[in-house]
Amino acid sequence: MLRSFPLAVLLAASACVSAWADGVHLNGVSTRSIGRGGTNLGHADNAAILFDNPAGAVFIEPSQLFELGGGVLLTDMRYADADNPTTRDVNAVPIPQFGAVVRGEEGLWAVGVGVFTPAGFGQTFTLEGPPPFTGEQLYKSWGSLTKIVPAAAVKLTDRLSIGGTIGVAVSHAELEGPYTLQNAGVLTGLPTLIDVQATGAAPIFSVGLQYRLSDATTVGLAYQSESRFHLDGNAAVALPGLGPLRFDADVDVTYPRTLGLGVRHQLDRQRVVSADVVWFNWSAAFDDFGITLTQAPLPSLHELFPLAWRDSVSVRVGYEQTLREVHTLRGGYVYHRNPIPDDTLTPYIPATLEHGFSAGYGRRWGDWDIDLAYMFLFGPEVFVDTGLTGGDFDESTHKAYAHFLGVNAIYRY
């Protein structure tokens, strides 16, 4: 059975964490929010609100907040077919984040800036290559997405605030391995060896609001724009019987817009419950991806890879309990359906996770808060009967697990 490397998908995944959360989006960018199931739209207790819902910035306590943290995503992806009875890839991906918020006098306005890494992947497989590149071949990929989001928020009434961000997203992707052309006209089905690197930037924005229904209950609503990238780089491509050829590489990728609604409710002085519902517009963003390779005087090669993803809705619930005013215990659960049709599922974008359970702990030392969090994610085993052109992954099974370990420090002053 031939093994192709879905190039366009992997480059697209440079803005996604392989096999984690809704499709390839994270369940949260802050250790604190991940500890409570990723809920954050109705909260105002961490700098990641600049990313999730900037309207919450005017409700931070006291007037200034600084947060620095990060985590490690451990992905455990498994693939099997007739030629590869058991294939497993385990990788560790770092996920850093930083944010700072300053609230004005009387809490009428707030500004902030955050640098977040909501996505990234890195994985390596050793599989049988397609003829004429037979034998064991290295299938390697790496990608990352960083968002820089200056934010501002204003309080319209004692209970209502609005906020927004205008920033830039930067994506970098690398991959190396066999690649069989999927949709390149008369060249469709041609096996190659490819090594490509590409980088790009895109403008992004978000808007949000928070409304305090009562002293105990806050509702949050937030919209994030799509991220439309034009990745630019270079590629080395080996064709059957020929040595590597050098190309300029252009990849056009769009990542989905989202719309989220969340609520936070204070049961009493020690207990808080929260829930978020987030819609991901995968059908508009991940319908297909394209790549163009150019080198004069050769004709340009245009490749189109179909995905046909479905929209999905992520449901997140969280709980927090404070003990003796300095210790906080957290827990949460996340559900989202797998947005990938079976016939476009590959082992290189195995976003089949559907369930996530999290636990967290927080400790306060004076003006400092230290948070720890763990999340375990899993999904059902998926069987692909008929997949991509060439039957590369026909009659294959896919299974994915992921673990997140995170820590952050918050300083209030």
Protein backbone atom coordinates (compact mmCIF):
# COMPACT_ATOMS: atom_id res chain seq x y z
CA MET A 1 0.00 0.00 0.00
CA LEU A 2 1.45 3.38 -0.97
CA ARG A 3 2.29 5.97 1.65
CA SER A 4 1.80 9.62 0.71
CA PHE A 5 2.43 12.64 2.84
CA PRO A 6 -0.54 15.05 2.72
CA LEU A 7 1.56 18.15 2.30
CA ALA A 8 -1.18 20.73 2.18
CA VAL A 9 -2.76 19.39 5.34
CA LEU A 10 0.46 19.42 7.31
CA LEU A 11 1.26 22.95 6.27
CA ALA A 12 -2.26 23.93 7.23
CA ALA A 13 -1.74 22.27 10.57
CA SER A 14 1.06 24.69 11.33
CA ALA A 15 -1.72 26.66 12.95
CA CYS A 16 -3.02 23.65 14.80
CA VAL A 17 -1.96 21.22 17.44
CA SER A 18 -2.14 17.78 15.95
CA ALA A 19 -4.65 15.61 17.72
CA TRP A 20 -5.62 18.01 20.46
CA ALA A 21 -9.01 19.48 21.22
CA ASP A 22 -11.71 20.63 18.80
CA GLY A 23 -10.45 19.60 15.40
CA VAL A 24 -6.91 20.93 15.70
CA HIS A 25 -7.63 23.83 18.07
CA LEU A 26 -6.60 23.90 21.71
CA ASN A 27 -9.04 23.75 24.59
CA GLY A 28 -7.40 26.79 26.15
CA VAL A 29 -4.25 28.93 26.17
CA SER A 30 -3.95 29.44 29.93
CA THR A 31 -3.00 26.81 32.48
CA ARG A 32 -5.65 28.21 34.81
CA SER A 33 -8.48 27.91 32.27
CA ILE A 34 -7.36 24.47 31.12
CA GLY A 35 -7.56 23.27 34.72
CA ARG A 36 -11.27 24.12 34.71
CA GLY A 37 -12.03 22.52 31.34
CA GLY A 38 -10.97 25.47 29.19
CA THR A 39 -13.75 27.78 30.40
CA ASN A 40 -12.75 31.45 30.32
CA LEU A 41 -15.32 33.54 28.43
CA GLY A 42 -17.06 34.73 31.60
CA HIS A 43 -13.95 35.01 33.77
CA ALA A 44 -11.57 37.89 34.54
CA ASP A 45 -8.85 36.23 36.61
CA ASN A 46 -6.04 35.64 34.11
CA ALA A 47 -4.27 37.37 31.21
CA ALA A 48 -5.55 34.83 28.68
CA ILE A 49 -8.83 36.76 28.63
CA LEU A 50 -7.03 38.99 26.13
CA PHE A 51 -7.16 36.02 23.77
CA ASP A 52 -10.47 34.44 24.81
CA ASN A 53 -12.61 37.50 25.61
CA PRO A 54 -10.86 40.90 25.91
CA ALA A 55 -13.98 42.50 27.43
CA GLY A 56 -13.06 40.86 30.74
CA ALA A 57 -9.95 43.03 31.11
CA VAL A 58 -11.88 45.84 32.86
CA PHE A 59 -12.95 43.43 35.61
CA ILE A 60 -9.51 42.22 36.71
CA GLU A 61 -8.54 42.70 40.36
CA PRO A 62 -6.57 44.69 41.41
CA SER A 63 -5.65 47.13 38.65
CA GLN A 64 -2.68 45.37 37.02
CA LEU A 65 -1.95 41.76 36.15
CA PHE A 66 1.04 40.01 34.63
CA GLU A 67 1.05 36.34 33.60
CA LEU A 68 3.80 34.10 32.32
CA GLY A 69 3.40 30.41 31.73
CA GLY A 70 3.37 27.49 29.41
CA GLY A 71 3.01 23.79 29.14
CA VAL A 72 3.93 20.66 27.29
CA LEU A 73 1.54 18.75 25.06
CA LEU A 74 2.30 15.05 24.85
CA THR A 75 0.67 13.49 21.79
CA ASP A 76 0.31 9.73 21.43
CA MET A 77 -0.89 8.88 17.92
CA ARG A 78 -1.46 5.36 16.66
CA TYR A 79 -1.97 4.11 13.14
CA ALA A 80 -2.35 0.66 11.63
CA ASP A 81 -3.02 -0.96 8.26
CA ALA A 82 -2.03 -4.11 6.39
CA ASP A 83 1.55 -2.89 5.83
CA ASN A 84 1.98 -1.31 9.27
CA PRO A 85 0.31 -3.49 11.91
CA THR A 86 1.36 -1.16 14.72
CA THR A 87 2.68 2.38 14.24
CA ARG A 88 2.95 4.75 17.18
CA ASP A 89 4.31 8.28 17.42
CA VAL A 90 4.83 10.05 20.76
CA ASN A 91 5.94 13.69 20.79
CA ALA A 92 6.28 16.57 23.22
CA VAL A 93 5.29 20.04 21.98
CA PRO A 94 6.03 23.19 24.07
CA ILE A 95 3.23 25.77 24.34
CA PRO A 96 4.30 29.12 25.89
CA GLN A 97 2.11 32.14 26.70
CA PHE A 98 2.47 35.64 28.16
CA GLY A 99 0.06 38.46 28.94
CA ALA A 100 -0.17 41.78 30.78
CA VAL A 101 -3.24 43.87 31.62
CA VAL A 102 -3.50 47.40 33.05
CA ARG A 103 -6.86 48.71 34.26
CA GLY A 104 -7.48 52.44 34.39
CA GLU A 105 -8.69 54.51 37.32
CA GLU A 106 -12.21 53.65 38.46
CA GLY A 107 -12.11 50.61 36.19
CA LEU A 108 -13.61 52.39 33.18
CA TRP A 109 -11.03 51.09 30.70
CA ALA A 110 -8.23 48.58 30.36
CA VAL A 111 -5.45 47.81 27.91
CA GLY A 112 -3.18 44.85 27.53
CA VAL A 113 -1.00 42.79 25.28
CA GLY A 114 -0.57 39.07 25.02
CA VAL A 115 1.61 36.61 23.15
CA PHE A 116 -0.01 33.22 22.90
CA THR A 117 0.83 29.95 21.20
CA PRO A 118 -2.56 28.32 20.77
CA ALA A 119 -1.24 25.69 18.38
CA GLY A 120 1.74 23.69 17.24
CA PHE A 121 2.73 20.20 16.25
CA GLY A 122 5.73 17.99 15.76
CA GLN A 123 5.69 14.35 14.81
CA THR A 124 7.88 11.76 13.13
CA PHE A 125 6.83 8.48 11.52
CA THR A 126 8.82 5.72 9.88
CA LEU A 127 6.69 4.03 7.21
CA GLU A 128 7.10 2.14 3.98
CA GLY A 129 7.58 4.64 1.17
CA PRO A 130 5.78 4.49 -2.16
CA PRO A 131 7.61 3.17 -5.23
CA PRO A 132 10.17 4.13 -6.37
CA PHE A 133 11.07 5.31 -2.84
CA THR A 134 10.56 1.91 -1.27
CA GLY A 135 11.82 0.82 2.12
CA GLU A 136 11.59 2.71 5.38
CA GLN A 137 11.14 6.44 4.91
CA LEU A 138 11.11 9.25 7.43
CA TYR A 139 7.87 11.22 7.59
CA LYS A 140 8.60 14.30 9.67
CA SER A 141 6.62 17.46 10.36
CA TRP A 142 6.81 20.50 12.61
CA GLY A 143 4.59 23.54 12.86
CA SER A 144 3.66 26.38 15.18
CA LEU A 145 1.31 29.32 15.45
CA THR A 146 1.92 32.41 17.58
CA LYS A 147 -0.57 35.25 18.03
CA ILE A 148 0.39 38.73 19.23
CA VAL A 149 -2.76 40.50 20.42
CA PRO A 150 -2.82 44.11 21.69
CA ALA A 151 -6.19 44.60 23.37
CA ALA A 152 -8.43 47.33 24.77
CA ALA A 153 -11.69 47.25 26.71
CA VAL A 154 -14.13 49.83 28.08
CA LYS A 155 -16.89 49.62 30.66
CA LEU A 156 -20.13 50.97 29.21
CA THR A 157 -22.11 50.54 32.43
CA ASP A 158 -21.41 49.10 35.85
CA ARG A 159 -22.36 45.70 34.45
CA LEU A 160 -21.51 45.80 30.73
CA SER A 161 -18.09 45.92 29.07
CA ILE A 162 -16.86 45.51 25.51
CA GLY A 163 -13.38 44.81 24.22
CA GLY A 164 -11.40 43.89 21.17
CA THR A 165 -8.02 43.04 19.72
CA ILE A 166 -6.22 43.85 16.49
CA GLY A 167 -3.08 41.83 16.10
CA VAL A 168 -0.95 39.58 13.98
CA ALA A 169 -0.57 35.83 13.75
CA VAL A 170 2.67 34.18 12.65
CA SER A 171 2.91 30.61 11.40
CA HIS A 172 5.89 28.45 10.53
CA ALA A 173 5.84 24.93 9.11
CA GLU A 174 8.40 22.34 8.12
CA LEU A 175 8.01 18.86 6.69
CA GLU A 176 10.13 16.17 5.15
CA GLY A 177 9.19 12.87 3.58
CA PRO A 178 7.54 11.04 0.68
CA TYR A 179 4.61 12.83 -0.89
CA THR A 180 2.29 11.52 -3.59
CA LEU A 181 0.56 14.26 -5.58
CA GLN A 182 -3.15 14.21 -4.79
CA ASN A 183 -4.74 16.69 -7.19
CA ALA A 184 -2.23 18.03 -9.71
CA GLY A 185 -3.84 17.35 -13.07
CA VAL A 186 -1.93 14.85 -15.21
CA LEU A 187 0.68 14.53 -12.43
CA THR A 188 -1.82 13.23 -9.87
CA GLY A 189 -0.47 10.05 -8.29
CA LEU A 190 3.19 10.90 -8.94
CA PRO A 191 5.36 9.94 -5.93
CA THR A 192 8.00 12.42 -4.77
CA LEU A 193 10.37 13.08 -1.88
CA ILE A 194 9.86 16.57 -0.54
CA ASP A 195 11.45 18.84 2.05
CA VAL A 196 9.61 22.13 2.53
CA GLN A 197 9.71 25.08 4.92
CA ALA A 198 7.27 27.97 4.90
CA THR A 199 6.48 30.99 7.06
CA GLY A 200 3.77 33.62 6.94
CA ALA A 201 1.90 36.29 8.88
CA ALA A 202 -1.75 37.31 8.87
CA PRO A 203 -3.82 40.09 10.46
CA ILE A 204 -6.35 38.97 13.05
CA PHE A 205 -8.98 40.57 15.26
CA SER A 206 -11.51 39.70 17.92
CA VAL A 207 -14.41 41.38 19.72
CA GLY A 208 -16.18 40.45 22.92
CA LEU A 209 -18.48 41.56 25.68
CA GLN A 210 -19.13 40.65 29.29
CA TYR A 211 -22.35 41.35 31.16
CA ARG A 212 -22.81 40.88 34.89
CA LEU A 213 -26.33 39.62 35.37
CA SER A 214 -25.79 39.84 39.13
CA ASP A 215 -22.94 40.00 41.62
CA ALA A 216 -22.66 36.22 41.25
CA THR A 217 -23.24 35.63 37.53
CA THR A 218 -21.34 36.89 34.47
CA VAL A 219 -22.08 36.11 30.83
CA GLY A 220 -19.41 36.43 28.12
CA LEU A 221 -19.68 36.49 24.34
CA ALA A 222 -16.68 36.58 21.98
CA TYR A 223 -15.93 36.34 18.27
CA GLN A 224 -12.52 35.60 16.73
CA SER A 225 -11.80 36.27 13.08
CA GLU A 226 -10.45 33.71 10.68
CA SER A 227 -6.69 33.68 10.11
CA ARG A 228 -5.93 33.77 6.39
CA PHE A 229 -2.28 32.91 5.73
CA HIS A 230 -0.13 33.03 2.64
CA LEU A 231 2.87 30.96 3.73
CA ASP A 232 6.04 31.63 1.77
CA GLY A 233 9.10 29.41 1.68
CA ASN A 234 11.08 26.93 -0.33
CA ALA A 235 11.02 23.26 -1.17
CA ALA A 236 13.35 20.54 -2.40
CA VAL A 237 11.55 17.90 -4.44
CA ALA A 238 13.02 14.64 -5.73
CA LEU A 239 11.22 13.01 -8.67
CA PRO A 240 11.63 9.40 -9.83
CA GLY A 241 14.99 9.10 -11.59
CA LEU A 242 15.97 12.71 -10.85
CA GLY A 243 17.85 14.43 -8.07
CA PRO A 244 16.31 17.13 -5.86
CA LEU A 245 14.87 20.17 -7.62
CA ARG A 246 14.60 23.51 -5.82
CA PHE A 247 11.29 25.39 -5.81
CA ASP A 248 9.72 28.45 -4.28
CA ALA A 249 6.73 27.31 -2.22
CA ASP A 250 3.49 29.22 -1.60
CA VAL A 251 0.73 27.83 0.59
CA ASP A 252 -2.65 29.49 1.13
CA VAL A 253 -4.32 28.48 4.38
CA THR A 254 -7.39 29.77 6.19
CA TYR A 255 -8.11 28.90 9.81
CA PRO A 256 -11.65 29.04 11.19
CA ARG A 257 -13.51 31.87 12.79
CA THR A 258 -15.08 31.08 16.15
CA LEU A 259 -18.02 32.31 18.18
CA GLY A 260 -18.29 31.53 21.88
CA LEU A 261 -20.81 32.03 24.67
CA GLY A 262 -19.88 31.46 28.29
CA VAL A 263 -21.22 31.91 31.81
CA ARG A 264 -19.51 32.06 35.20
CA HIS A 265 -21.53 31.63 38.40
CA GLN A 266 -20.27 32.11 41.96
CA LEU A 267 -22.12 29.59 44.14
CA ASP A 268 -20.63 31.03 47.33
CA ARG A 269 -17.33 32.52 48.52
CA GLN A 270 -15.46 29.29 47.86
CA ARG A 271 -17.15 27.66 44.84
CA VAL A 272 -17.43 28.71 41.18
CA VAL A 273 -18.96 26.89 38.21
CA SER A 274 -18.59 27.90 34.57
CA ALA A 275 -19.53 26.70 31.11
CA ASP A 276 -18.51 27.74 27.57
CA VAL A 277 -19.95 26.77 24.19
CA VAL A 278 -17.69 27.55 21.20
CA TRP A 279 -18.58 27.15 17.50
CA PHE A 280 -15.79 26.45 14.99
CA ASN A 281 -16.47 27.24 11.33
CA TRP A 282 -14.41 24.37 9.93
CA SER A 283 -16.56 23.93 6.82
CA ALA A 284 -15.49 27.34 5.47
CA ALA A 285 -11.84 27.14 6.52
CA PHE A 286 -10.84 23.50 6.09
CA ASP A 287 -12.68 22.68 2.87
CA ASP A 288 -9.39 22.28 1.03
CA PHE A 289 -5.81 23.58 0.99
CA GLY A 290 -3.56 24.44 -1.90
CA ILE A 291 0.15 24.67 -2.57
CA THR A 292 2.06 26.15 -5.50
CA LEU A 293 5.66 25.23 -6.39
CA THR A 294 7.46 27.49 -8.88
CA GLN A 295 10.89 27.45 -10.51
CA ALA A 296 11.71 29.10 -13.83
CA PRO A 297 11.76 27.86 -16.55
CA LEU A 298 9.70 24.89 -15.31
CA PRO A 299 5.91 25.26 -15.26
CA SER A 300 4.32 25.93 -11.89
CA LEU A 301 2.87 22.99 -10.00
CA HIS A 302 -0.50 23.64 -8.36
CA GLU A 303 -1.73 21.12 -5.80
CA LEU A 304 -5.17 21.04 -4.16
CA PHE A 305 -5.87 18.76 -1.23
CA PRO A 306 -9.53 18.19 -0.25
CA LEU A 307 -10.55 18.10 3.43
CA ALA A 308 -14.31 18.78 3.56
CA TRP A 309 -14.34 19.25 7.34
CA ARG A 310 -17.61 19.79 9.20
CA ASP A 311 -18.43 22.57 11.65
CA SER A 312 -18.20 21.60 15.30
CA VAL A 313 -19.29 22.90 18.68
CA SER A 314 -17.10 22.57 21.76
CA VAL A 315 -18.90 22.25 25.10
CA ARG A 316 -16.79 22.99 28.18
CA VAL A 317 -17.71 22.87 31.86
CA GLY A 318 -15.55 23.73 34.86
CA TYR A 319 -15.56 23.86 38.65
CA GLU A 320 -13.34 25.66 41.17
CA GLN A 321 -13.20 25.51 44.95
CA THR A 322 -11.04 27.72 47.15
CA LEU A 323 -9.72 26.33 50.42
CA ARG A 324 -8.54 28.61 53.25
CA GLU A 325 -8.29 31.50 50.74
CA VAL A 326 -4.91 30.38 49.39
CA HIS A 327 -5.54 26.98 47.77
CA THR A 328 -7.78 26.42 44.74
CA LEU A 329 -8.83 23.07 43.32
CA ARG A 330 -10.13 22.88 39.75
CA GLY A 331 -11.71 20.33 37.46
CA GLY A 332 -13.38 20.27 34.07
CA TYR A 333 -14.70 18.35 31.09
CA VAL A 334 -14.73 19.09 27.34
CA TYR A 335 -16.68 17.47 24.52
CA HIS A 336 -16.47 18.12 20.79
CA ARG A 337 -17.20 15.85 17.87
CA ASN A 338 -14.55 14.84 15.37
CA PRO A 339 -14.96 17.24 12.42
CA ILE A 340 -13.03 15.13 9.89
CA PRO A 341 -14.85 12.86 7.41
CA ASP A 342 -13.40 9.36 7.37
CA ASP A 343 -12.36 9.61 3.72
CA THR A 344 -10.05 12.59 4.36
CA LEU A 345 -8.57 11.38 7.66
CA THR A 346 -4.82 10.75 7.61
CA PRO A 347 -2.26 9.91 10.31
CA TYR A 348 -0.74 13.37 9.86
CA ILE A 349 -3.72 15.36 11.05
CA PRO A 350 -5.32 12.84 13.44
CA ALA A 351 -7.75 15.24 15.09
CA THR A 352 -10.11 12.51 16.27
CA LEU A 353 -10.21 13.47 19.95
CA GLU A 354 -13.69 14.01 21.37
CA HIS A 355 -13.44 13.97 25.18
CA GLY A 356 -11.18 15.74 27.65
CA PHE A 357 -10.93 15.64 31.45
CA SER A 358 -8.85 18.17 33.38
CA ALA A 359 -7.66 18.87 36.91
CA GLY A 360 -5.87 21.89 38.32
CA TYR A 361 -4.40 23.36 41.46
CA GLY A 362 -3.66 26.96 42.41
CA ARG A 363 -1.66 28.43 45.30
CA ARG A 364 -1.50 32.09 46.33
CA TRP A 365 1.60 33.63 47.90
CA GLY A 366 0.96 37.30 48.59
CA ASP A 367 0.63 39.01 45.20
CA TRP A 368 1.60 35.84 43.32
CA ASP A 369 -0.59 32.99 42.07
CA ILE A 370 0.94 29.74 40.85
CA ASP A 371 -1.27 27.37 38.83
CA LEU A 372 -0.78 23.78 37.72
CA ALA A 373 -3.02 21.85 35.33
CA TYR A 374 -3.33 18.47 33.66
CA MET A 375 -5.69 17.43 30.86
CA PHE A 376 -6.21 14.00 29.32
CA LEU A 377 -7.90 13.74 25.92
CA PHE A 378 -9.07 10.76 23.92
CA GLY A 379 -11.44 9.73 21.16
CA PRO A 380 -12.85 6.62 19.52
CA GLU A 381 -10.91 4.43 17.15
CA VAL A 382 -11.70 5.48 13.58
CA PHE A 383 -11.63 3.10 10.61
CA VAL A 384 -11.01 4.46 7.11
CA ASP A 385 -12.42 2.19 4.41
CA THR A 386 -11.59 4.30 1.34
CA GLY A 387 -9.51 7.45 1.70
CA LEU A 388 -7.28 9.65 -0.43
CA THR A 389 -6.42 9.31 -4.11
CA GLY A 390 -4.17 6.31 -4.64
CA GLY A 391 -5.60 4.37 -1.70
CA ASP A 392 -2.76 5.51 0.54
CA PHE A 393 -4.66 5.05 3.78
CA ASP A 394 -7.44 2.68 2.74
CA GLU A 395 -8.51 0.10 5.33
CA SER A 396 -6.60 1.83 8.10
CA THR A 397 -7.36 2.52 11.75
CA HIS A 398 -6.57 5.69 13.68
CA LYS A 399 -6.42 6.29 17.42
CA ALA A 400 -5.16 9.35 19.29
CA TYR A 401 -4.47 10.32 22.88
CA ALA A 402 -3.03 13.53 24.32
CA HIS A 403 -1.82 14.76 27.69
CA PHE A 404 -1.25 18.39 28.68
CA LEU A 405 0.89 19.50 31.62
CA GLY A 406 1.01 23.22 32.34
CA VAL A 407 2.22 25.79 34.86
CA ASN A 408 1.83 29.55 35.05
CA ALA A 409 2.59 32.42 37.41
CA ILE A 410 0.29 35.44 37.83
CA TYR A 411 1.46 38.62 39.55
CA ARG A 412 -1.11 41.20 40.66
CA TYR A 413 -0.21 44.74 41.65
